[in-house]
Amino acid sequence: MAESNYSIDVSAKATFVAPRSNPEANQYFFAYRITIRNTGQVPAKLLSRHWVITHADGHVEEVQGDGVVGEQPRLRPGEAFEYTSAAVLRTPIGTMHGEYRMLADDGNTFLAPIPVFRLLGPGATLH
């Protein structure tokens, strides 16, 4: 199956950062660490990102741009790239998900989905 040639696994871990937050002003700062691993058979370069950030009040932001943290890493099969970034929400709970546009060494482009992950501030619980 040709599809297995192009496979990127993305995982995320988010942390609430109290010193950078101001709940009285509805500003909740979250840092998140992303790991991008090429589980396919072809080297691929990360070209761009597309994020969907959903606040608990229903507000949705979309962020698009080239690369991640100023880089466009090229990953050989089995290689991983990690980076840390941040988002500021106006609610203590939210979610993020999206996709990376990848360019394989054979010239094909494909999307690597970023699974939904939760942003949970102080005292926030999920039912």
Protein backbone atom coordinates (compact mmCIF):
# COMPACT_ATOMS: atom_id res chain seq x y z
CA MET A 1 0.00 0.00 0.00
CA ALA A 2 1.56 3.28 -1.11
CA GLU A 3 -0.10 5.22 1.70
CA SER A 4 2.32 3.75 4.26
CA ASN A 5 5.12 5.54 2.41
CA TYR A 6 3.79 8.76 3.94
CA SER A 7 3.10 8.54 7.63
CA ILE A 8 3.77 11.16 10.29
CA ASP A 9 2.83 10.58 13.93
CA VAL A 10 2.16 13.72 15.96
CA SER A 11 1.77 13.82 19.74
CA ALA A 12 1.27 16.76 22.09
CA LYS A 13 1.44 17.56 25.78
CA ALA A 14 0.06 20.85 27.12
CA THR A 15 0.84 22.57 30.42
CA PHE A 16 -0.85 25.54 32.07
CA VAL A 17 1.68 28.32 32.88
CA ALA A 18 0.33 30.25 35.87
CA PRO A 19 3.03 32.99 35.99
CA ARG A 20 2.22 34.01 32.40
CA SER A 21 -1.56 33.92 32.93
CA ASN A 22 -3.98 36.56 34.19
CA PRO A 23 -7.35 34.91 34.94
CA GLU A 24 -8.87 38.26 36.01
CA ALA A 25 -8.27 39.47 32.45
CA ASN A 26 -9.39 36.15 30.90
CA GLN A 27 -5.86 35.27 29.76
CA TYR A 28 -4.82 31.66 30.26
CA PHE A 29 -1.34 30.84 28.99
CA PHE A 30 -0.57 27.29 27.87
CA ALA A 31 2.74 25.87 26.71
CA TYR A 32 2.67 22.75 24.59
CA ARG A 33 5.34 20.31 23.47
CA ILE A 34 4.90 18.67 20.08
CA THR A 35 6.68 15.55 18.86
CA ILE A 36 6.59 14.88 15.11
CA ARG A 37 7.85 11.44 14.07
CA ASN A 38 8.23 10.11 10.53
CA THR A 39 6.76 6.61 10.72
CA GLY A 40 6.61 6.30 6.94
CA GLN A 41 9.13 5.05 4.40
CA VAL A 42 10.04 8.31 2.65
CA PRO A 43 11.90 11.33 4.07
CA ALA A 44 9.63 14.37 4.34
CA LYS A 45 9.97 18.06 5.12
CA LEU A 46 7.42 20.02 7.15
CA LEU A 47 6.27 22.93 4.98
CA SER A 48 3.48 24.57 6.96
CA ARG A 49 1.08 24.31 9.87
CA HIS A 50 -2.63 24.86 10.37
CA TRP A 51 -4.01 25.03 13.91
CA VAL A 52 -7.60 25.22 15.12
CA ILE A 53 -7.79 26.53 18.70
CA THR A 54 -11.18 26.27 20.40
CA HIS A 55 -11.94 28.13 23.61
CA ALA A 56 -14.53 26.75 26.07
CA ASP A 57 -16.88 29.64 25.22
CA GLY A 58 -17.03 28.47 21.60
CA HIS A 59 -14.59 31.04 20.20
CA VAL A 60 -12.43 29.47 17.46
CA GLU A 61 -9.10 30.76 16.20
CA GLU A 62 -7.21 29.43 13.19
CA VAL A 63 -3.47 29.87 12.83
CA GLN A 64 -1.60 29.12 9.61
CA GLY A 65 1.98 29.66 8.64
CA ASP A 66 5.20 28.29 7.28
CA GLY A 67 7.13 25.76 9.35
CA VAL A 68 7.14 25.51 13.12
CA VAL A 69 9.11 27.75 15.52
CA GLY A 70 10.95 29.23 12.52
CA GLU A 71 12.04 25.85 11.16
CA GLN A 72 11.00 23.48 8.40
CA PRO A 73 12.48 20.22 9.65
CA ARG A 74 13.20 17.33 7.26
CA LEU A 75 12.64 13.96 8.86
CA ARG A 76 14.05 10.71 7.58
CA PRO A 77 12.06 7.54 8.35
CA GLY A 78 12.24 6.92 12.11
CA GLU A 79 13.43 10.44 12.93
CA ALA A 80 11.55 12.81 15.23
CA PHE A 81 11.50 16.56 15.79
CA GLU A 82 10.30 18.17 19.02
CA TYR A 83 9.44 21.76 19.73
CA THR A 84 7.68 23.85 22.33
CA SER A 85 5.25 26.65 21.60
CA ALA A 86 2.38 28.39 23.36
CA ALA A 87 -1.18 29.62 23.07
CA VAL A 88 -3.21 32.11 25.10
CA LEU A 89 -6.88 31.32 25.62
CA ARG A 90 -9.60 33.48 27.10
CA THR A 91 -11.05 30.49 28.97
CA PRO A 92 -9.33 28.02 31.35
CA ILE A 93 -10.32 25.09 29.11
CA GLY A 94 -9.84 24.60 25.39
CA THR A 95 -8.64 22.29 22.67
CA MET A 96 -6.18 22.42 19.80
CA HIS A 97 -5.84 20.32 16.67
CA GLY A 98 -4.74 20.77 13.11
CA GLU A 99 -2.39 19.49 10.46
CA TYR A 100 1.06 19.86 9.00
CA ARG A 101 1.59 20.01 5.25
CA MET A 102 4.53 17.78 4.40
CA LEU A 103 6.65 17.44 1.25
CA ALA A 104 8.08 13.98 0.67
CA ASP A 105 11.46 13.61 -1.02
CA ASP A 106 9.68 12.00 -4.01
CA GLY A 107 7.84 15.31 -4.63
CA ASN A 108 4.44 14.34 -3.22
CA THR A 109 2.77 16.54 -0.62
CA PHE A 110 0.54 15.13 2.09
CA LEU A 111 -1.14 16.20 5.31
CA ALA A 112 -0.10 14.96 8.74
CA PRO A 113 -3.02 15.32 11.18
CA ILE A 114 -2.42 16.79 14.64
CA PRO A 115 -4.84 14.98 16.96
CA VAL A 116 -7.01 17.01 19.34
CA PHE A 117 -5.39 17.75 22.69
CA ARG A 118 -6.85 19.52 25.70
CA LEU A 119 -5.73 22.70 27.41
CA LEU A 120 -6.76 22.61 31.07
CA GLY A 121 -6.18 25.53 33.41
CA PRO A 122 -6.29 25.65 37.23
CA GLY A 123 -9.25 23.82 38.72
CA ALA A 124 -10.51 22.84 35.26
CA THR A 125 -11.98 19.37 35.11
CA LEU A 126 -13.62 17.37 32.39
CA HIS A 127 -16.83 15.52 33.16
